[in-house]
N, C-alpha and C. Protein backbone atom coordinates (compact mmCIF):
# COMPACT_ATOMS: atom_id res chain seq x y z
N MET A 1 82.04 -108.13 56.93
CA MET A 1 81.60 -107.82 58.28
C MET A 1 82.72 -107.15 59.04
N ILE A 2 82.32 -106.18 59.85
CA ILE A 2 83.26 -105.45 60.68
C ILE A 2 82.87 -105.68 62.14
N PHE A 3 83.85 -106.03 62.97
CA PHE A 3 83.66 -106.15 64.41
C PHE A 3 84.30 -104.92 65.03
N ARG A 4 83.51 -104.16 65.80
CA ARG A 4 84.04 -102.93 66.38
C ARG A 4 83.37 -102.66 67.72
N ASP A 5 84.02 -101.78 68.49
CA ASP A 5 83.42 -101.35 69.74
C ASP A 5 82.19 -100.50 69.42
N ALA A 6 81.15 -100.71 70.20
CA ALA A 6 79.91 -99.96 70.00
C ALA A 6 80.14 -98.49 70.32
N ARG A 7 79.34 -97.67 69.68
CA ARG A 7 79.31 -96.23 69.95
C ARG A 7 77.96 -95.90 70.58
N ARG A 8 77.88 -94.74 71.21
CA ARG A 8 76.65 -94.33 71.89
C ARG A 8 75.43 -94.42 70.95
N GLU A 9 75.62 -94.05 69.69
CA GLU A 9 74.49 -94.09 68.76
C GLU A 9 74.04 -95.52 68.42
N ASP A 10 74.84 -96.52 68.78
CA ASP A 10 74.47 -97.92 68.56
C ASP A 10 73.55 -98.46 69.66
N VAL A 11 73.46 -97.77 70.78
CA VAL A 11 72.73 -98.29 71.93
C VAL A 11 71.29 -98.68 71.58
N PRO A 12 70.50 -97.86 70.86
CA PRO A 12 69.13 -98.29 70.56
C PRO A 12 69.05 -99.60 69.76
N ILE A 13 69.92 -99.79 68.79
CA ILE A 13 69.86 -101.04 68.00
C ILE A 13 70.34 -102.22 68.85
N VAL A 14 71.32 -102.00 69.72
CA VAL A 14 71.76 -103.08 70.60
C VAL A 14 70.62 -103.49 71.52
N VAL A 15 69.90 -102.54 72.07
CA VAL A 15 68.76 -102.86 72.93
C VAL A 15 67.69 -103.60 72.13
N GLU A 16 67.45 -103.19 70.89
CA GLU A 16 66.50 -103.91 70.04
C GLU A 16 66.94 -105.36 69.83
N LEU A 17 68.23 -105.58 69.59
CA LEU A 17 68.74 -106.94 69.42
C LEU A 17 68.54 -107.75 70.70
N LEU A 18 68.81 -107.13 71.85
CA LEU A 18 68.64 -107.83 73.13
C LEU A 18 67.18 -108.18 73.40
N ALA A 19 66.28 -107.35 72.91
CA ALA A 19 64.84 -107.56 73.16
C ALA A 19 64.18 -108.46 72.13
N ALA A 20 64.90 -108.85 71.09
CA ALA A 20 64.28 -109.53 69.94
C ALA A 20 64.17 -111.05 70.09
N ASP A 21 63.94 -111.52 71.28
CA ASP A 21 63.61 -112.94 71.48
C ASP A 21 62.70 -113.05 72.69
N ALA A 22 62.16 -114.23 72.91
CA ALA A 22 61.16 -114.41 73.96
C ALA A 22 61.69 -114.02 75.34
N LEU A 23 62.91 -114.37 75.65
CA LEU A 23 63.46 -114.04 76.97
C LEU A 23 63.80 -112.56 77.08
N GLY A 24 64.46 -112.02 76.06
CA GLY A 24 64.84 -110.62 76.07
C GLY A 24 63.64 -109.68 76.10
N ALA A 25 62.56 -110.10 75.46
CA ALA A 25 61.36 -109.27 75.42
C ALA A 25 60.78 -109.05 76.81
N THR A 26 61.07 -109.96 77.74
CA THR A 26 60.56 -109.80 79.10
C THR A 26 61.46 -108.91 79.95
N ARG A 27 62.68 -108.63 79.46
CA ARG A 27 63.64 -107.87 80.26
C ARG A 27 63.91 -106.46 79.75
N GLU A 28 63.78 -106.26 78.45
CA GLU A 28 64.18 -104.99 77.84
C GLU A 28 62.95 -104.19 77.43
N THR A 29 63.17 -102.89 77.24
CA THR A 29 62.11 -102.02 76.74
C THR A 29 62.67 -101.22 75.56
N THR A 30 61.90 -101.18 74.49
CA THR A 30 62.34 -100.44 73.30
C THR A 30 61.35 -99.35 72.93
N GLU A 31 60.31 -99.19 73.72
CA GLU A 31 59.28 -98.19 73.42
C GLU A 31 59.74 -96.79 73.80
N GLY A 32 59.33 -95.83 72.96
CA GLY A 32 59.61 -94.42 73.25
C GLY A 32 61.09 -94.16 73.40
N PRO A 33 61.42 -93.05 74.01
CA PRO A 33 62.85 -92.83 74.24
C PRO A 33 63.37 -93.89 75.22
N LEU A 34 64.56 -94.38 74.95
CA LEU A 34 65.15 -95.39 75.83
C LEU A 34 65.35 -94.81 77.23
N PRO A 35 65.14 -95.63 78.24
CA PRO A 35 65.46 -95.17 79.59
C PRO A 35 66.94 -94.79 79.67
N GLU A 36 67.22 -93.75 80.41
CA GLU A 36 68.59 -93.24 80.54
C GLU A 36 69.54 -94.30 81.10
N ALA A 37 69.00 -95.26 81.82
CA ALA A 37 69.84 -96.32 82.41
C ALA A 37 70.64 -97.07 81.34
N TYR A 38 70.07 -97.24 80.15
CA TYR A 38 70.81 -97.91 79.06
C TYR A 38 72.05 -97.09 78.69
N HIS A 39 71.89 -95.79 78.57
CA HIS A 39 73.03 -94.94 78.19
C HIS A 39 74.05 -94.86 79.33
N GLN A 40 73.57 -94.85 80.56
CA GLN A 40 74.49 -94.85 81.70
C GLN A 40 75.31 -96.14 81.73
N ALA A 41 74.64 -97.26 81.46
CA ALA A 41 75.35 -98.54 81.42
C ALA A 41 76.38 -98.54 80.29
N PHE A 42 75.99 -98.03 79.12
CA PHE A 42 76.93 -97.95 78.01
C PHE A 42 78.16 -97.12 78.40
N GLU A 43 77.94 -95.98 79.03
CA GLU A 43 79.05 -95.11 79.43
C GLU A 43 79.96 -95.80 80.44
N ALA A 44 79.38 -96.57 81.36
CA ALA A 44 80.19 -97.30 82.34
C ALA A 44 81.04 -98.37 81.63
N ILE A 45 80.44 -99.07 80.67
CA ILE A 45 81.19 -100.07 79.90
C ILE A 45 82.31 -99.40 79.13
N GLU A 46 82.01 -98.29 78.49
CA GLU A 46 82.99 -97.58 77.67
C GLU A 46 84.18 -97.09 78.50
N ARG A 47 83.94 -96.70 79.75
CA ARG A 47 85.01 -96.19 80.63
C ARG A 47 85.88 -97.31 81.20
N ASP A 48 85.35 -98.50 81.27
CA ASP A 48 86.01 -99.60 81.97
C ASP A 48 86.94 -100.37 81.02
N PRO A 49 88.24 -100.36 81.26
CA PRO A 49 89.15 -101.06 80.35
C PRO A 49 88.97 -102.57 80.34
N ASN A 50 88.22 -103.10 81.30
CA ASN A 50 87.97 -104.54 81.34
C ASN A 50 86.63 -104.93 80.73
N ASN A 51 85.97 -103.99 80.06
CA ASN A 51 84.69 -104.26 79.42
C ASN A 51 84.69 -103.73 78.00
N ARG A 52 84.03 -104.47 77.13
CA ARG A 52 83.85 -104.01 75.75
C ARG A 52 82.45 -104.42 75.29
N LEU A 53 81.72 -103.48 74.73
CA LEU A 53 80.47 -103.77 74.05
C LEU A 53 80.82 -103.75 72.57
N VAL A 54 80.66 -104.90 71.91
CA VAL A 54 81.11 -105.07 70.53
C VAL A 54 79.89 -105.26 69.64
N VAL A 55 79.92 -104.65 68.47
CA VAL A 55 78.87 -104.84 67.48
C VAL A 55 79.47 -105.42 66.21
N VAL A 56 78.62 -106.08 65.45
CA VAL A 56 78.96 -106.57 64.12
C VAL A 56 78.23 -105.67 63.15
N GLU A 57 78.97 -105.14 62.21
CA GLU A 57 78.39 -104.25 61.21
C GLU A 57 78.54 -104.89 59.84
N ASP A 58 77.48 -104.84 59.06
CA ASP A 58 77.51 -105.37 57.70
C ASP A 58 76.80 -104.37 56.80
N GLY A 59 77.51 -103.85 55.84
CA GLY A 59 76.91 -102.86 54.94
C GLY A 59 76.44 -101.62 55.66
N GLY A 60 77.10 -101.25 56.74
CA GLY A 60 76.73 -100.06 57.50
C GLY A 60 75.65 -100.28 58.53
N ALA A 61 75.09 -101.50 58.60
CA ALA A 61 74.03 -101.80 59.57
C ALA A 61 74.56 -102.70 60.68
N VAL A 62 74.17 -102.42 61.92
CA VAL A 62 74.53 -103.28 63.05
C VAL A 62 73.63 -104.51 63.01
N ILE A 63 74.26 -105.69 62.93
CA ILE A 63 73.50 -106.94 62.81
C ILE A 63 73.75 -107.92 63.96
N GLY A 64 74.60 -107.53 64.90
CA GLY A 64 74.88 -108.40 66.02
C GLY A 64 75.64 -107.66 67.10
N CYS A 65 75.70 -108.28 68.28
CA CYS A 65 76.40 -107.66 69.40
C CYS A 65 76.75 -108.70 70.45
N LEU A 66 77.64 -108.30 71.32
CA LEU A 66 77.95 -109.04 72.54
C LEU A 66 78.76 -108.14 73.45
N GLN A 67 78.86 -108.54 74.70
CA GLN A 67 79.69 -107.82 75.66
C GLN A 67 80.78 -108.75 76.14
N LEU A 68 82.00 -108.23 76.21
CA LEU A 68 83.15 -108.96 76.72
C LEU A 68 83.59 -108.31 78.03
N THR A 69 83.78 -109.13 79.05
CA THR A 69 84.29 -108.63 80.33
C THR A 69 85.52 -109.45 80.70
N PHE A 70 86.60 -108.77 80.96
CA PHE A 70 87.86 -109.41 81.34
C PHE A 70 87.97 -109.39 82.85
N ILE A 71 88.10 -110.58 83.44
CA ILE A 71 88.03 -110.72 84.89
C ILE A 71 89.36 -111.24 85.42
N PRO A 72 90.09 -110.40 86.16
CA PRO A 72 91.30 -110.91 86.81
C PRO A 72 90.91 -111.77 88.00
N GLY A 73 91.71 -112.77 88.29
CA GLY A 73 91.41 -113.62 89.43
C GLY A 73 92.63 -114.38 89.88
N LEU A 74 92.53 -114.98 91.05
CA LEU A 74 93.63 -115.76 91.58
C LEU A 74 93.62 -117.20 91.08
N THR A 75 92.45 -117.69 90.66
CA THR A 75 92.41 -119.06 90.16
C THR A 75 93.19 -119.16 88.86
N TYR A 76 93.53 -120.39 88.51
CA TYR A 76 94.38 -120.64 87.33
C TYR A 76 95.69 -119.86 87.44
N GLN A 77 96.23 -119.84 88.67
CA GLN A 77 97.51 -119.19 88.94
C GLN A 77 97.51 -117.73 88.53
N GLY A 78 96.43 -117.05 88.87
CA GLY A 78 96.31 -115.63 88.55
C GLY A 78 95.91 -115.37 87.11
N GLY A 79 95.30 -116.36 86.47
CA GLY A 79 94.93 -116.24 85.07
C GLY A 79 93.73 -115.33 84.83
N LEU A 80 93.81 -114.58 83.77
CA LEU A 80 92.71 -113.71 83.35
C LEU A 80 91.66 -114.54 82.62
N ARG A 81 90.39 -114.24 82.86
CA ARG A 81 89.31 -114.92 82.12
C ARG A 81 88.46 -113.88 81.42
N MET A 82 87.81 -114.31 80.36
CA MET A 82 86.90 -113.43 79.65
C MET A 82 85.50 -114.02 79.73
N GLN A 83 84.56 -113.18 80.12
CA GLN A 83 83.14 -113.55 80.17
C GLN A 83 82.45 -112.95 78.95
N ILE A 84 81.67 -113.77 78.25
CA ILE A 84 80.90 -113.31 77.10
C ILE A 84 79.44 -113.24 77.52
N GLU A 85 78.80 -112.10 77.26
CA GLU A 85 77.40 -111.89 77.63
C GLU A 85 76.64 -111.26 76.48
N GLY A 86 75.33 -111.40 76.51
CA GLY A 86 74.45 -110.66 75.61
C GLY A 86 74.72 -110.89 74.13
N VAL A 87 74.98 -112.14 73.76
CA VAL A 87 75.24 -112.46 72.36
C VAL A 87 73.92 -112.44 71.59
N ARG A 88 73.87 -111.62 70.56
CA ARG A 88 72.67 -111.56 69.73
C ARG A 88 73.06 -111.32 68.28
N VAL A 89 72.30 -111.94 67.38
CA VAL A 89 72.42 -111.71 65.93
C VAL A 89 71.02 -111.39 65.43
N ALA A 90 70.93 -110.38 64.58
CA ALA A 90 69.62 -109.99 64.01
C ALA A 90 68.98 -111.20 63.35
N GLU A 91 67.69 -111.35 63.54
CA GLU A 91 66.96 -112.50 62.99
C GLU A 91 67.21 -112.67 61.49
N SER A 92 67.29 -111.55 60.78
CA SER A 92 67.50 -111.61 59.32
C SER A 92 68.86 -112.17 58.93
N HIS A 93 69.80 -112.29 59.88
CA HIS A 93 71.14 -112.78 59.58
C HIS A 93 71.48 -114.08 60.29
N ARG A 94 70.52 -114.64 61.02
CA ARG A 94 70.79 -115.91 61.71
C ARG A 94 70.94 -117.04 60.70
N GLY A 95 71.82 -117.96 61.02
CA GLY A 95 72.06 -119.11 60.15
C GLY A 95 73.06 -118.83 59.05
N ALA A 96 73.61 -117.62 59.02
CA ALA A 96 74.56 -117.25 57.96
C ALA A 96 76.00 -117.23 58.45
N GLY A 97 76.24 -117.71 59.68
CA GLY A 97 77.60 -117.77 60.21
C GLY A 97 78.05 -116.54 60.94
N VAL A 98 77.17 -115.56 61.12
CA VAL A 98 77.55 -114.32 61.81
C VAL A 98 77.93 -114.61 63.26
N GLY A 99 77.10 -115.36 63.97
CA GLY A 99 77.38 -115.68 65.36
C GLY A 99 78.68 -116.46 65.52
N ARG A 100 78.91 -117.42 64.64
CA ARG A 100 80.14 -118.21 64.70
C ARG A 100 81.36 -117.32 64.52
N ARG A 101 81.31 -116.45 63.52
CA ARG A 101 82.45 -115.56 63.28
C ARG A 101 82.64 -114.59 64.44
N LEU A 102 81.54 -114.11 65.03
CA LEU A 102 81.63 -113.20 66.17
C LEU A 102 82.27 -113.90 67.37
N LEU A 103 81.86 -115.12 67.66
CA LEU A 103 82.44 -115.85 68.78
C LEU A 103 83.90 -116.19 68.52
N GLN A 104 84.22 -116.61 67.31
CA GLN A 104 85.62 -116.91 66.99
C GLN A 104 86.48 -115.66 67.13
N TRP A 105 85.97 -114.53 66.67
CA TRP A 105 86.68 -113.26 66.82
C TRP A 105 86.90 -112.95 68.30
N SER A 106 85.87 -113.17 69.11
CA SER A 106 85.96 -112.90 70.55
C SER A 106 87.00 -113.79 71.22
N ILE A 107 87.05 -115.04 70.83
CA ILE A 107 88.03 -115.97 71.40
C ILE A 107 89.44 -115.50 71.04
N GLU A 108 89.64 -115.02 69.84
CA GLU A 108 90.95 -114.48 69.46
C GLU A 108 91.29 -113.23 70.27
N GLU A 109 90.28 -112.40 70.56
CA GLU A 109 90.50 -111.24 71.42
C GLU A 109 90.96 -111.68 72.81
N ALA A 110 90.36 -112.77 73.32
CA ALA A 110 90.75 -113.30 74.63
C ALA A 110 92.21 -113.76 74.59
N ARG A 111 92.56 -114.46 73.54
CA ARG A 111 93.96 -114.92 73.40
C ARG A 111 94.91 -113.72 73.35
N ALA A 112 94.54 -112.71 72.59
CA ALA A 112 95.40 -111.52 72.46
C ALA A 112 95.58 -110.81 73.80
N ARG A 113 94.59 -110.88 74.67
CA ARG A 113 94.69 -110.25 76.00
C ARG A 113 95.36 -111.17 77.02
N GLY A 114 95.71 -112.38 76.60
CA GLY A 114 96.38 -113.31 77.51
C GLY A 114 95.45 -114.06 78.43
N CYS A 115 94.20 -114.19 78.05
CA CYS A 115 93.24 -114.90 78.91
C CYS A 115 93.57 -116.38 78.98
N ARG A 116 93.28 -116.94 80.12
CA ARG A 116 93.47 -118.37 80.36
C ARG A 116 92.19 -119.15 80.05
N LEU A 117 91.05 -118.44 80.11
CA LEU A 117 89.76 -119.11 80.02
C LEU A 117 88.73 -118.16 79.42
N VAL A 118 87.83 -118.71 78.61
CA VAL A 118 86.67 -117.96 78.10
C VAL A 118 85.45 -118.67 78.65
N GLN A 119 84.54 -117.89 79.22
CA GLN A 119 83.33 -118.48 79.79
C GLN A 119 82.11 -117.70 79.34
N LEU A 120 80.99 -118.39 79.36
CA LEU A 120 79.71 -117.75 79.07
C LEU A 120 78.62 -118.57 79.72
N THR A 121 77.45 -117.97 79.82
CA THR A 121 76.28 -118.71 80.29
C THR A 121 75.21 -118.58 79.21
N THR A 122 74.33 -119.54 79.20
CA THR A 122 73.17 -119.46 78.32
C THR A 122 71.97 -119.99 79.09
N ASN A 123 70.85 -119.38 78.89
CA ASN A 123 69.63 -119.80 79.58
C ASN A 123 69.29 -121.23 79.19
N LYS A 124 68.83 -122.02 80.15
CA LYS A 124 68.50 -123.43 79.88
C LYS A 124 67.43 -123.58 78.81
N ALA A 125 66.60 -122.55 78.65
CA ALA A 125 65.55 -122.60 77.63
C ALA A 125 66.12 -122.45 76.22
N ARG A 126 67.35 -122.01 76.10
CA ARG A 126 67.97 -121.77 74.79
C ARG A 126 68.78 -122.99 74.36
N THR A 127 68.08 -124.08 74.06
CA THR A 127 68.76 -125.33 73.73
C THR A 127 69.58 -125.22 72.44
N GLU A 128 69.09 -124.45 71.47
CA GLU A 128 69.86 -124.27 70.23
C GLU A 128 71.14 -123.49 70.49
N ALA A 129 71.06 -122.49 71.37
CA ALA A 129 72.26 -121.72 71.71
C ALA A 129 73.29 -122.62 72.39
N LYS A 130 72.83 -123.50 73.26
CA LYS A 130 73.75 -124.42 73.93
C LYS A 130 74.46 -125.30 72.91
N ARG A 131 73.72 -125.84 71.96
CA ARG A 131 74.34 -126.66 70.90
C ARG A 131 75.34 -125.84 70.09
N PHE A 132 74.99 -124.59 69.80
CA PHE A 132 75.89 -123.71 69.05
C PHE A 132 77.20 -123.51 69.81
N TYR A 133 77.11 -123.19 71.10
CA TYR A 133 78.33 -122.97 71.89
C TYR A 133 79.15 -124.24 71.99
N GLU A 134 78.50 -125.38 72.14
CA GLU A 134 79.22 -126.65 72.18
C GLU A 134 79.95 -126.91 70.86
N SER A 135 79.36 -126.49 69.74
CA SER A 135 80.02 -126.69 68.44
C SER A 135 81.29 -125.86 68.31
N LEU A 136 81.42 -124.84 69.16
CA LEU A 136 82.61 -124.00 69.18
C LEU A 136 83.64 -124.48 70.21
N GLY A 137 83.32 -125.57 70.91
CA GLY A 137 84.26 -126.13 71.87
C GLY A 137 83.94 -125.84 73.33
N PHE A 138 82.90 -125.07 73.60
CA PHE A 138 82.51 -124.80 74.98
C PHE A 138 81.91 -126.07 75.59
N THR A 139 82.13 -126.29 76.87
CA THR A 139 81.53 -127.42 77.56
C THR A 139 80.70 -126.91 78.72
N ALA A 140 79.61 -127.60 78.99
CA ALA A 140 78.74 -127.25 80.12
C ALA A 140 79.32 -127.89 81.37
N SER A 141 80.44 -127.34 81.85
CA SER A 141 81.19 -127.94 82.95
C SER A 141 80.69 -127.52 84.33
N HIS A 142 79.88 -126.47 84.39
CA HIS A 142 79.42 -125.95 85.68
C HIS A 142 77.91 -125.74 85.64
N GLU A 143 77.32 -125.66 86.80
CA GLU A 143 75.91 -125.32 86.92
C GLU A 143 75.84 -123.86 87.33
N GLY A 144 75.34 -123.00 86.45
CA GLY A 144 75.25 -121.58 86.76
C GLY A 144 74.05 -121.28 87.65
N MET A 145 74.21 -120.29 88.50
CA MET A 145 73.12 -119.88 89.39
C MET A 145 73.05 -118.36 89.40
N LYS A 146 71.83 -117.85 89.54
CA LYS A 146 71.63 -116.40 89.57
C LYS A 146 70.63 -116.07 90.68
N LEU A 147 70.74 -114.88 91.20
CA LEU A 147 69.81 -114.36 92.19
C LEU A 147 69.31 -113.03 91.66
N ASP A 148 68.03 -112.96 91.29
CA ASP A 148 67.44 -111.75 90.74
C ASP A 148 67.10 -110.80 91.88
N LEU A 149 67.79 -109.68 91.96
CA LEU A 149 67.59 -108.72 93.05
C LEU A 149 66.47 -107.73 92.75
N ALA A 150 65.90 -107.78 91.54
CA ALA A 150 64.83 -106.85 91.17
C ALA A 150 63.46 -107.35 91.60
N THR A 151 63.38 -108.57 92.09
CA THR A 151 62.06 -109.10 92.48
C THR A 151 61.91 -109.15 93.98
């Protein structure tokens, strides 16, 4: 398996991965040509040194993805934190350790950047994902809140 920064040509498969579950299917669209907003978002991520869209490649095929965002802050005595978002593994590769290796790789990336903290959120409906993250040492120490501005 290879962990690498996504390229523009990876955007359609990343969107397919994001849409390939019950929650993602309500948020993403994979029909016809992708809306330009996906490519604009990719370009913004690519330009931003504090963001990385990472894919997992196996045998030349993209089988997983996530986004890493490095957030400077004053808390933790000015410590840098890394936010992990959009973690997905292709259904055909789930249960084979791909997600675990991807998260472990990401944690090492955080250490290499000098991060003080790694954080992520998971939807309350994703009970298996919560157990998975806990098995990696994450704790549900906070109550996350969101405000959907599209409604």
